[in-house]
PDB file of N, CA and C in Angstrom:
ATOM      1  N   GLU A   1      52.171  23.527   6.468  1.00  0.00           N
ATOM      2  CA  GLU A   1      51.148  22.798   5.773  1.00  0.00           C
ATOM      3  C   GLU A   1      49.925  23.672   5.620  1.00  0.00           C
ATOM      4  N   SER A   2      49.192  23.412   4.616  1.00  0.00           N
ATOM      5  CA  SER A   2      47.941  24.122   4.395  1.00  0.00           C
ATOM      6  C   SER A   2      46.987  23.837   5.551  1.00  0.00           C
ATOM      7  N   GLY A   3      46.348  24.878   6.044  1.00  0.00           N
ATOM      8  CA  GLY A   3      45.372  24.710   7.111  1.00  0.00           C
ATOM      9  C   GLY A   3      45.940  24.719   8.515  1.00  0.00           C
ATOM     10  N   THR A   4      47.224  25.022   8.656  1.00  0.00           N
ATOM     11  CA  THR A   4      47.811  25.065   9.990  1.00  0.00           C
ATOM     12  C   THR A   4      48.002  26.515  10.416  1.00  0.00           C
ATOM     13  N   GLY A   5      48.434  26.699  11.628  1.00  0.00           N
ATOM     14  CA  GLY A   5      48.676  28.030  12.149  1.00  0.00           C
ATOM     15  C   GLY A   5      47.753  28.383  13.301  1.00  0.00           C
ATOM     16  N   TRP A   6      46.736  27.589  13.497  1.00  0.00           N
ATOM     17  CA  TRP A   6      45.782  27.821  14.577  1.00  0.00           C
ATOM     18  C   TRP A   6      46.158  27.089  15.852  1.00  0.00           C
ATOM     19  N   GLU A   7      47.056  26.122  15.729  1.00  0.00           N
ATOM     20  CA  GLU A   7      47.348  25.236  16.860  1.00  0.00           C
ATOM     21  C   GLU A   7      47.951  25.959  18.058  1.00  0.00           C
ATOM     22  N   GLU A   8      48.832  26.901  17.819  1.00  0.00           N
ATOM     23  CA  GLU A   8      49.489  27.611  18.917  1.00  0.00           C
ATOM     24  C   GLU A   8      48.483  28.268  19.857  1.00  0.00           C
ATOM     25  N   GLN A   9      47.507  28.936  19.301  1.00  0.00           N
ATOM     26  CA  GLN A   9      46.508  29.628  20.115  1.00  0.00           C
ATOM     27  C   GLN A   9      45.685  28.632  20.940  1.00  0.00           C
ATOM     28  N   HIS A  10      45.275  27.548  20.333  1.00  0.00           N
ATOM     29  CA  HIS A  10      44.484  26.553  21.053  1.00  0.00           C
ATOM     30  C   HIS A  10      45.318  25.854  22.129  1.00  0.00           C
ATOM     31  N   ALA A  11      46.572  25.574  21.813  1.00  0.00           N
ATOM     32  CA  ALA A  11      47.450  24.941  22.801  1.00  0.00           C
ATOM     33  C   ALA A  11      47.642  25.866  24.000  1.00  0.00           C
ATOM     34  N   ALA A  12      47.896  27.148  23.734  1.00  0.00           N
ATOM     35  CA  ALA A  12      48.096  28.108  24.821  1.00  0.00           C
ATOM     36  C   ALA A  12      46.846  28.208  25.693  1.00  0.00           C
ATOM     37  N   ALA A  13      45.671  28.215  25.056  1.00  0.00           N
ATOM     38  CA  ALA A  13      44.421  28.304  25.818  1.00  0.00           C
ATOM     39  C   ALA A  13      44.222  27.076  26.707  1.00  0.00           C
ATOM     40  N   ALA A  14      44.773  25.931  26.273  1.00  0.00           N
ATOM     41  CA  ALA A  14      44.633  24.700  27.044  1.00  0.00           C
ATOM     42  C   ALA A  14      45.790  24.493  28.019  1.00  0.00           C
ATOM     43  N   GLY A  15      46.734  25.438  28.036  1.00  0.00           N
ATOM     44  CA  GLY A  15      47.876  25.308  28.925  1.00  0.00           C
ATOM     45  C   GLY A  15      48.891  24.280  28.464  1.00  0.00           C
ATOM     46  N   VAL A  16      48.942  24.059  27.164  1.00  0.00           N
ATOM     47  CA  VAL A  16      49.834  23.050  26.589  1.00  0.00           C
ATOM     48  C   VAL A  16      50.972  23.754  25.857  1.00  0.00           C
ATOM     49  N   ASP A  17      52.196  23.300  26.094  1.00  0.00           N
ATOM     50  CA  ASP A  17      53.337  23.827  25.340  1.00  0.00           C
ATOM     51  C   ASP A  17      53.238  23.352  23.898  1.00  0.00           C
ATOM     52  N   PHE A  18      53.592  24.222  22.971  1.00  0.00           N
ATOM     53  CA  PHE A  18      53.512  23.892  21.546  1.00  0.00           C
ATOM     54  C   PHE A  18      54.794  24.331  20.873  1.00  0.00           C
ATOM     55  N   VAL A  19      55.384  23.443  20.107  1.00  0.00           N
ATOM     56  CA  VAL A  19      56.593  23.757  19.350  1.00  0.00           C
ATOM     57  C   VAL A  19      56.327  23.393  17.900  1.00  0.00           C
ATOM     58  N   ARG A  20      56.559  24.319  16.998  1.00  0.00           N
ATOM     59  CA  ARG A  20      56.392  24.051  15.569  1.00  0.00           C
ATOM     60  C   ARG A  20      57.779  23.934  14.946  1.00  0.00           C
ATOM     61  N   LEU A  21      58.014  22.824  14.278  1.00  0.00           N
ATOM     62  CA  LEU A  21      59.251  22.617  13.532  1.00  0.00           C
ATOM     63  C   LEU A  21      58.872  22.410  12.069  1.00  0.00           C
ATOM     64  N   PRO A  22      59.031  23.428  11.250  1.00  0.00           N
ATOM     65  CA  PRO A  22      58.672  23.268   9.841  1.00  0.00           C
ATOM     66  C   PRO A  22      59.687  22.367   9.126  1.00  0.00           C
ATOM     67  N   ILE A  23      59.212  21.235   8.620  1.00  0.00           N
ATOM     68  CA  ILE A  23      60.050  20.280   7.914  1.00  0.00           C
ATOM     69  C   ILE A  23      59.502  20.174   6.491  1.00  0.00           C
ATOM     70  N   ALA A  24      60.292  20.642   5.537  1.00  0.00           N
ATOM     71  CA  ALA A  24      59.852  20.708   4.136  1.00  0.00           C
ATOM     72  C   ALA A  24      60.139  19.397   3.415  1.00  0.00           C
ATOM     73  N   GLY A  25      59.394  18.365   3.742  1.00  0.00           N
ATOM     74  CA  GLY A  25      59.534  17.085   3.063  1.00  0.00           C
ATOM     75  C   GLY A  25      60.944  16.548   3.115  1.00  0.00           C
ATOM     76  N   ALA A  26      61.356  15.878   2.046  1.00  0.00           N
ATOM     77  CA  ALA A  26      62.683  15.261   1.988  1.00  0.00           C
ATOM     78  C   ALA A  26      63.788  16.292   2.147  1.00  0.00           C
ATOM     79  N   ASP A  27      63.582  17.496   1.641  1.00  0.00           N
ATOM     80  CA  ASP A  27      64.604  18.542   1.757  1.00  0.00           C
ATOM     81  C   ASP A  27      64.811  18.986   3.197  1.00  0.00           C
ATOM     82  N   GLY A  28      63.839  18.760   4.048  1.00  0.00           N
ATOM     83  CA  GLY A  28      63.945  19.153   5.445  1.00  0.00           C
ATOM     84  C   GLY A  28      64.567  18.095   6.341  1.00  0.00           C
ATOM     85  N   LEU A  29      64.924  16.968   5.751  1.00  0.00           N
ATOM     86  CA  LEU A  29      65.542  15.900   6.535  1.00  0.00           C
ATOM     87  C   LEU A  29      67.045  16.115   6.570  1.00  0.00           C
ATOM     88  N   ASN A  30      67.486  16.783   7.613  1.00  0.00           N
ATOM     89  CA  ASN A  30      68.914  17.073   7.774  1.00  0.00           C
ATOM     90  C   ASN A  30      69.253  17.080   9.257  1.00  0.00           C
ATOM     91  N   ARG A  31      70.529  17.106   9.537  1.00  0.00           N
ATOM     92  CA  ARG A  31      70.978  17.017  10.931  1.00  0.00           C
ATOM     93  C   ARG A  31      70.494  18.188  11.780  1.00  0.00           C
ATOM     94  N   ASP A  32      70.462  19.386  11.213  1.00  0.00           N
ATOM     95  CA  ASP A  32      69.994  20.537  11.996  1.00  0.00           C
ATOM     96  C   ASP A  32      68.551  20.342  12.448  1.00  0.00           C
ATOM     97  N   ASN A  33      67.689  19.890  11.541  1.00  0.00           N
ATOM     98  CA  ASN A  33      66.288  19.685  11.910  1.00  0.00           C
ATOM     99  C   ASN A  33      66.119  18.510  12.867  1.00  0.00           C
ATOM    100  N   VAL A  34      66.916  17.463  12.680  1.00  0.00           N
ATOM    101  CA  VAL A  34      66.848  16.333  13.610  1.00  0.00           C
ATOM    102  C   VAL A  34      67.336  16.763  14.992  1.00  0.00           C
ATOM    103  N   ASP A  35      68.372  17.590  15.042  1.00  0.00           N
ATOM    104  CA  ASP A  35      68.843  18.108  16.334  1.00  0.00           C
ATOM    105  C   ASP A  35      67.768  18.959  17.005  1.00  0.00           C
ATOM    106  N   ALA A  36      67.089  19.808  16.240  1.00  0.00           N
ATOM    107  CA  ALA A  36      66.013  20.630  16.800  1.00  0.00           C
ATOM    108  C   ALA A  36      64.872  19.751  17.302  1.00  0.00           C
ATOM    109  N   PHE A  37      64.559  18.721  16.553  1.00  0.00           N
ATOM    110  CA  PHE A  37      63.523  17.760  16.947  1.00  0.00           C
ATOM    111  C   PHE A  37      63.907  17.070  18.257  1.00  0.00           C
ATOM    112  N   ALA A  38      65.137  16.601  18.336  1.00  0.00           N
ATOM    113  CA  ALA A  38      65.609  15.921  19.543  1.00  0.00           C
ATOM    114  C   ALA A  38      65.593  16.863  20.740  1.00  0.00           C
ATOM    115  N   LYS A  39      66.001  18.097  20.546  1.00  0.00           N
ATOM    116  CA  LYS A  39      66.001  19.069  21.645  1.00  0.00           C
ATOM    117  C   LYS A  39      64.581  19.353  22.129  1.00  0.00           C
ATOM    118  N   ALA A  40      63.648  19.439  21.194  1.00  0.00           N
ATOM    119  CA  ALA A  40      62.252  19.670  21.578  1.00  0.00           C
ATOM    120  C   ALA A  40      61.728  18.489  22.384  1.00  0.00           C
ATOM    121  N   LEU A  41      62.062  17.276  21.969  1.00  0.00           N
ATOM    122  CA  LEU A  41      61.636  16.102  22.732  1.00  0.00           C
ATOM    123  C   LEU A  41      62.305  16.063  24.101  1.00  0.00           C
ATOM    124  N   ASP A  42      63.592  16.381  24.149  1.00  0.00           N
ATOM    125  CA  ASP A  42      64.312  16.397  25.427  1.00  0.00           C
ATOM    126  C   ASP A  42      63.698  17.402  26.397  1.00  0.00           C
ATOM    127  N   ALA A  43      63.216  18.513  25.869  1.00  0.00           N
ATOM    128  CA  ALA A  43      62.652  19.572  26.713  1.00  0.00           C
ATOM    129  C   ALA A  43      61.362  19.139  27.400  1.00  0.00           C
ATOM    130  N   THR A  44      60.761  18.059  26.941  1.00  0.00           N
ATOM    131  CA  THR A  44      59.522  17.586  27.575  1.00  0.00           C
ATOM    132  C   THR A  44      59.797  16.874  28.881  1.00  0.00           C
ATOM    133  N   GLY A  45      61.066  16.548  29.135  1.00  0.00           N
ATOM    134  CA  GLY A  45      61.405  15.850  30.371  1.00  0.00           C
ATOM    135  C   GLY A  45      60.779  14.473  30.481  1.00  0.00           C
ATOM    136  N   GLY A  46      60.478  13.879  29.349  1.00  0.00           N
ATOM    137  CA  GLY A  46      59.889  12.542  29.370  1.00  0.00           C
ATOM    138  C   GLY A  46      58.385  12.514  29.515  1.00  0.00           C
ATOM    139  N   GLU A  47      57.769  13.688  29.573  1.00  0.00           N
ATOM    140  CA  GLU A  47      56.307  13.753  29.670  1.00  0.00           C
ATOM    141  C   GLU A  47      55.687  13.275  28.358  1.00  0.00           C
ATOM    142  N   PRO A  48      54.460  12.764  28.413  1.00  0.00           N
ATOM    143  CA  PRO A  48      53.782  12.373  27.174  1.00  0.00           C
ATOM    144  C   PRO A  48      53.772  13.544  26.190  1.00  0.00           C
ATOM    145  N   THR A  49      54.063  13.234  24.940  1.00  0.00           N
ATOM    146  CA  THR A  49      54.228  14.271  23.929  1.00  0.00           C
ATOM    147  C   THR A  49      53.537  13.862  22.645  1.00  0.00           C
ATOM    148  N   LEU A  50      52.814  14.774  22.052  1.00  0.00           N
ATOM    149  CA  LEU A  50      52.176  14.550  20.760  1.00  0.00           C
ATOM    150  C   LEU A  50      53.084  15.138  19.689  1.00  0.00           C
ATOM    151  N   VAL A  51      53.441  14.328  18.703  1.00  0.00           N
ATOM    152  CA  VAL A  51      54.233  14.775  17.565  1.00  0.00           C
ATOM    153  C   VAL A  51      53.399  14.471  16.331  1.00  0.00           C
ATOM    154  N   SER A  52      53.174  15.479  15.483  1.00  0.00           N
ATOM    155  CA  SER A  52      52.296  15.234  14.344  1.00  0.00           C
ATOM    156  C   SER A  52      52.713  16.008  13.108  1.00  0.00           C
ATOM    157  N   CYS A  53      52.261  15.500  11.987  1.00  0.00           N
ATOM    158  CA  CYS A  53      52.299  16.201  10.710  1.00  0.00           C
ATOM    159  C   CYS A  53      51.092  15.687   9.930  1.00  0.00           C
ATOM    160  N   GLY A  54      50.906  16.144   8.727  1.00  0.00           N
ATOM    161  CA  GLY A  54      49.712  15.788   7.961  1.00  0.00           C
ATOM    162  C   GLY A  54      49.526  14.294   7.751  1.00  0.00           C
ATOM    163  N   SER A  55      50.617  13.561   7.561  1.00  0.00           N
ATOM    164  CA  SER A  55      50.509  12.132   7.258  1.00  0.00           C
ATOM    165  C   SER A  55      51.306  11.232   8.200  1.00  0.00           C
ATOM    166  N   SER A  56      52.074  11.807   9.083  1.00  0.00           N
ATOM    167  CA  SER A  56      53.031  11.125   9.967  1.00  0.00           C
ATOM    168  C   SER A  56      54.283  10.663   9.230  1.00  0.00           C
ATOM    169  N   ASN A  57      54.375  10.916   7.937  1.00  0.00           N
ATOM    170  CA  ASN A  57      55.538  10.519   7.151  1.00  0.00           C
ATOM    171  C   ASN A  57      56.793  11.249   7.619  1.00  0.00           C
ATOM    172  N   ARG A  58      56.713  12.562   7.778  1.00  0.00           N
ATOM    173  CA  ARG A  58      57.849  13.344   8.257  1.00  0.00           C
ATOM    174  C   ARG A  58      58.157  13.027   9.714  1.00  0.00           C
ATOM    175  N   VAL A  59      57.127  12.804  10.508  1.00  0.00           N
ATOM    176  CA  VAL A  59      57.325  12.433  11.907  1.00  0.00           C
ATOM    177  C   VAL A  59      58.133  11.145  11.985  1.00  0.00           C
ATOM    178  N   GLY A  60      57.723  10.151  11.227  1.00  0.00           N
ATOM    179  CA  GLY A  60      58.437   8.883  11.238  1.00  0.00           C
ATOM    180  C   GLY A  60      59.866   9.027  10.756  1.00  0.00           C
ATOM    181  N   ALA A  61      60.073   9.844   9.726  1.00  0.00           N
ATOM    182  CA  ALA A  61      61.418  10.067   9.202  1.00  0.00           C
ATOM    183  C   ALA A  61      62.300  10.720  10.265  1.00  0.00           C
ATOM    184  N   LEU A  62      61.766  11.700  10.980  1.00  0.00           N
ATOM    185  CA  LEU A  62      62.542  12.358  12.029  1.00  0.00           C
ATOM    186  C   LEU A  62      62.869  11.386  13.169  1.00  0.00           C
ATOM    187  N   PHE A  63      61.914  10.569  13.555  1.00  0.00           N
ATOM    188  CA  PHE A  63      62.187   9.585  14.603  1.00  0.00           C
ATOM    189  C   PHE A  63      63.264   8.597  14.157  1.00  0.00           C
ATOM    190  N   ALA A  64      63.214   8.177  12.896  1.00  0.00           N
ATOM    191  CA  ALA A  64      64.220   7.240  12.382  1.00  0.00           C
ATOM    192  C   ALA A  64      65.608   7.867  12.396  1.00  0.00           C
ATOM    193  N   LEU A  65      65.719   9.085  11.903  1.00  0.00           N
ATOM    194  CA  LEU A  65      67.022   9.753  11.844  1.00  0.00           C
ATOM    195  C   LEU A  65      67.544  10.070  13.240  1.00  0.00           C
ATOM    196  N   LYS A  66      66.663  10.469  14.126  1.00  0.00           N
ATOM    197  CA  LYS A  66      67.074  10.711  15.516  1.00  0.00           C
ATOM    198  C   LYS A  66      67.594   9.416  16.135  1.00  0.00           C
ATOM    199  N   ALA A  67      66.892   8.330  15.895  1.00  0.00           N
ATOM    200  CA  ALA A  67      67.297   7.043  16.461  1.00  0.00           C
ATOM    201  C   ALA A  67      68.699   6.665  16.003  1.00  0.00           C
ATOM    202  N   TYR A  68      69.012   6.936  14.755  1.00  0.00           N
ATOM    203  CA  TYR A  68      70.319   6.565  14.208  1.00  0.00           C
ATOM    204  C   TYR A  68      71.399   7.580  14.571  1.00  0.00           C
ATOM    205  N   TRP A  69      71.147   8.847  14.274  1.00  0.00           N
ATOM    206  CA  TRP A  69      72.159   9.887  14.464  1.00  0.00           C
ATOM    207  C   TRP A  69      72.387  10.243  15.927  1.00  0.00           C
ATOM    208  N   ARG A  70      71.348  10.253  16.726  1.00  0.00           N
ATOM    209  CA  ARG A  70      71.480  10.743  18.098  1.00  0.00           C
ATOM    210  C   ARG A  70      71.455   9.641  19.159  1.00  0.00           C
ATOM    211  N   ASP A  71      70.710   8.570  18.868  1.00  0.00           N
ATOM    212  CA  ASP A  71      70.512   7.547  19.898  1.00  0.00           C
ATOM    213  C   ASP A  71      71.362   6.299  19.668  1.00  0.00           C
ATOM    214  N   GLY A  72      72.122   6.268  18.576  1.00  0.00           N
ATOM    215  CA  GLY A  72      73.029   5.155  18.330  1.00  0.00           C
ATOM    216  C   GLY A  72      72.376   3.851  17.908  1.00  0.00           C
ATOM    217  N   LYS A  73      71.147   3.909  17.444  1.00  0.00           N
ATOM    218  CA  LYS A  73      70.467   2.694  16.984  1.00  0.00           C
ATOM    219  C   LYS A  73      71.070   2.250  15.654  1.00  0.00           C
ATOM    220  N   SER A  74      70.909   0.963  15.347  1.00  0.00           N
ATOM    221  CA  SER A  74      71.363   0.445  14.050  1.00  0.00           C
ATOM    222  C   SER A  74      70.449   0.978  12.943  1.00  0.00           C
ATOM    223  N   LYS A  75      70.881   0.834  11.710  1.00  0.00           N
ATOM    224  CA  LYS A  75      70.056   1.264  10.576  1.00  0.00           C
ATOM    225  C   LYS A  75      68.720   0.527  10.565  1.00  0.00           C
ATOM    226  N   GLU A  76      68.772  -0.763  10.843  1.00  0.00           N
ATOM    227  CA  GLU A  76      67.554  -1.567  10.846  1.00  0.00           C
ATOM    228  C   GLU A  76      66.605  -1.123  11.958  1.00  0.00           C
ATOM    229  N   GLU A  77      67.154  -0.884  13.145  1.00  0.00           N
ATOM    230  CA  GLU A  77      66.323  -0.411  14.259  1.00  0.00           C
ATOM    231  C   GLU A  77      65.732   0.952  13.939  1.00  0.00           C
ATOM    232  N   ALA A  78      66.541   1.832  13.369  1.00  0.00           N
ATOM    233  CA  ALA A  78      66.068   3.181  13.034  1.00  0.00           C
ATOM    234  C   ALA A  78      64.936   3.130  12.019  1.00  0.00           C
ATOM    235  N   MET A  79      65.086   2.300  10.996  1.00  0.00           N
ATOM    236  CA  MET A  79      64.023   2.179   9.994  1.00  0.00           C
ATOM    237  C   MET A  79      62.745   1.627  10.621  1.00  0.00           C
ATOM    238  N   ALA A  80      62.867   0.650  11.510  1.00  0.00           N
ATOM    239  CA  ALA A  80      61.688   0.093  12.176  1.00  0.00           C
ATOM    240  C   ALA A  80      61.002   1.145  13.037  1.00  0.00           C
ATOM    241  N   ILE A  81      61.787   1.952  13.744  1.00  0.00           N
ATOM    242  CA  ILE A  81      61.229   3.029  14.562  1.00  0.00           C
ATOM    243  C   ILE A  81      60.488   4.025  13.674  1.00  0.00           C
ATOM    244  N   GLY A  82      61.107   4.397  12.567  1.00  0.00           N
ATOM    245  CA  GLY A  82      60.475   5.336  11.645  1.00  0.00           C
ATOM    246  C   GLY A  82      59.174   4.811  11.075  1.00  0.00           C
ATOM    247  N   LYS A  83      59.175   3.571  10.658  1.00  0.00           N
ATOM    248  CA  LYS A  83      57.957   2.976  10.091  1.00  0.00           C
ATOM    249  C   LYS A  83      56.861   2.872  11.142  1.00  0.00           C
ATOM    250  N   ALA A  84      57.237   2.536  12.370  1.00  0.00           N
ATOM    251  CA  ALA A  84      56.251   2.444  13.453  1.00  0.00           C
ATOM    252  C   ALA A  84      55.627   3.801  13.759  1.00  0.00           C
ATOM    253  N   ALA A  85      56.374   4.881  13.475  1.00  0.00           N
ATOM    254  CA  ALA A  85      55.875   6.241  13.729  1.00  0.00           C
ATOM    255  C   ALA A  85      55.205   6.851  12.499  1.00  0.00           C
ATOM    256  N   GLY A  86      55.058   6.075  11.408  1.00  0.00           N
ATOM    257  CA  GLY A  86      54.298   6.561  10.265  1.00  0.00           C
ATOM    258  C   GLY A  86      55.074   6.852   8.995  1.00  0.00           C
ATOM    259  N   MET A  87      56.367   6.608   8.976  1.00  0.00           N
ATOM    260  CA  MET A  87      57.166   6.882   7.781  1.00  0.00           C
ATOM    261  C   MET A  87      56.749   5.943   6.647  1.00  0.00           C
ATOM    262  N   THR A  88      56.498   6.517   5.495  1.00  0.00           N
ATOM    263  CA  THR A  88      56.155   5.735   4.302  1.00  0.00           C
ATOM    264  C   THR A  88      57.017   6.212   3.140  1.00  0.00           C
ATOM    265  N   LYS A  89      56.541   7.195   2.408  1.00  0.00           N
ATOM    266  CA  LYS A  89      57.198   7.677   1.186  1.00  0.00           C
ATOM    267  C   LYS A  89      58.608   8.204   1.414  1.00  0.00           C
ATOM    268  N   LEU A  90      58.908   8.674   2.602  1.00  0.00           N
ATOM    269  CA  LEU A  90      60.250   9.198   2.878  1.00  0.00           C
ATOM    270  C   LEU A  90      61.241   8.102   3.263  1.00  0.00           C
ATOM    271  N   GLY A  91      60.799   6.869   3.272  1.00  0.00           N
ATOM    272  CA  GLY A  91      61.666   5.763   3.640  1.00  0.00           C
ATOM    273  C   GLY A  91      62.919   5.673   2.779  1.00  0.00           C
ATOM    274  N   ALA A  92      62.785   5.875   1.469  1.00  0.00           N
ATOM    275  CA  ALA A  92      63.952   5.796   0.578  1.00  0.00           C
ATOM    276  C   ALA A  92      64.949   6.902   0.893  1.00  0.00           C
ATOM    277  N   LYS A  93      64.469   8.107   1.163  1.00  0.00           N
ATOM    278  CA  LYS A  93      65.354   9.221   1.510  1.00  0.00           C
ATOM    279  C   LYS A  93      66.049   8.945   2.838  1.00  0.00           C
ATOM    280  N   VAL A  94      65.322   8.409   3.804  1.00  0.00           N
ATOM    281  CA  VAL A  94      65.915   8.101   5.100  1.00  0.00           C
ATOM    282  C   VAL A  94      66.982   7.017   4.933  1.00  0.00           C
ATOM    283  N   GLU A  95      66.714   5.998   4.146  1.00  0.00           N
ATOM    284  CA  GLU A  95      67.721   4.961   3.898  1.00  0.00           C
ATOM    285  C   GLU A  95      68.980   5.557   3.281  1.00  0.00           C
ATOM    286  N   GLU A  96      68.799   6.499   2.358  1.00  0.00           N
ATOM    287  CA  GLU A  96      69.933   7.192   1.736  1.00  0.00           C
ATOM    288  C   GLU A  96      70.748   7.945   2.794  1.00  0.00           C
ATOM    289  N   LEU A  97      70.070   8.634   3.699  1.00  0.00           N
ATOM    290  CA  LEU A  97      70.745   9.371   4.749  1.00  0.00           C
ATOM    291  C   LEU A  97      71.437   8.442   5.751  1.00  0.00           C
ATOM    292  N   LEU A  98      70.814   7.315   6.035  1.00  0.00           N
ATOM    293  CA  LEU A  98      71.413   6.361   6.971  1.00  0.00           C
ATOM    294  C   LEU A  98      72.650   5.685   6.384  1.00  0.00           C
ATOM    295  N   ALA A  99      72.784   5.720   5.070  1.00  0.00           N
ATOM    296  CA  ALA A  99      73.961   5.129   4.426  1.00  0.00           C
ATOM    297  C   ALA A  99      75.186   6.022   4.540  1.00  0.00           C
ATOM    298  N   GLN A 100      74.977   7.286   4.910  1.00  0.00           N
ATOM    299  CA  GLN A 100      76.099   8.211   5.077  1.00  0.00           C
ATOM    300  C   GLN A 100      76.731   7.996   6.451  1.00  0.00           C
ATOM    301  N   PRO A 101      78.010   8.369   6.583  1.00  0.00           N
ATOM    302  CA  PRO A 101      78.646   8.234   7.901  1.00  0.00           C
ATOM    303  C   PRO A 101      77.901   9.034   8.960  1.00  0.00           C
ATOM    304  N   ARG A 102      77.906   8.493  10.174  1.00  0.00           N
ATOM    305  CA  ARG A 102      77.263   9.208  11.273  1.00  0.00           C
ATOM    306  C   ARG A 102      78.032  10.459  11.518  1.00  0.00           C
TER     307      ARG A 102
END
C-alpha cells in the first residue's frame, strides 16, 4: 500500500514481531495467502495480535476464508466473521470463493 514500509523498523524498535503479507486485493485472495495468514496467526501462540490493512477489507476477507477453509466454519459463519473484521467490497469475491469445494 502507498505509505507503508516504515512499520518494520518501528515494530523492531518497540520489541514487537512484525509480519507483512502483501495481499493484492481480490487477486490476492487464494489458498496460499490464507495459509500464510493462518501460519502467521498460529505463530503468535494465541497472544494478542494486531492485523491491519488500509481499510480492513482484506483483513476481513482473509479471516472469512481462514474460517471456512482452515477452521471448518460454515459459509454463513465465515461471512459473519469476515464482516465483523471489516470485510466490505470483497464480500462478493469471498462468497464466490466459498462456493467452491473446500
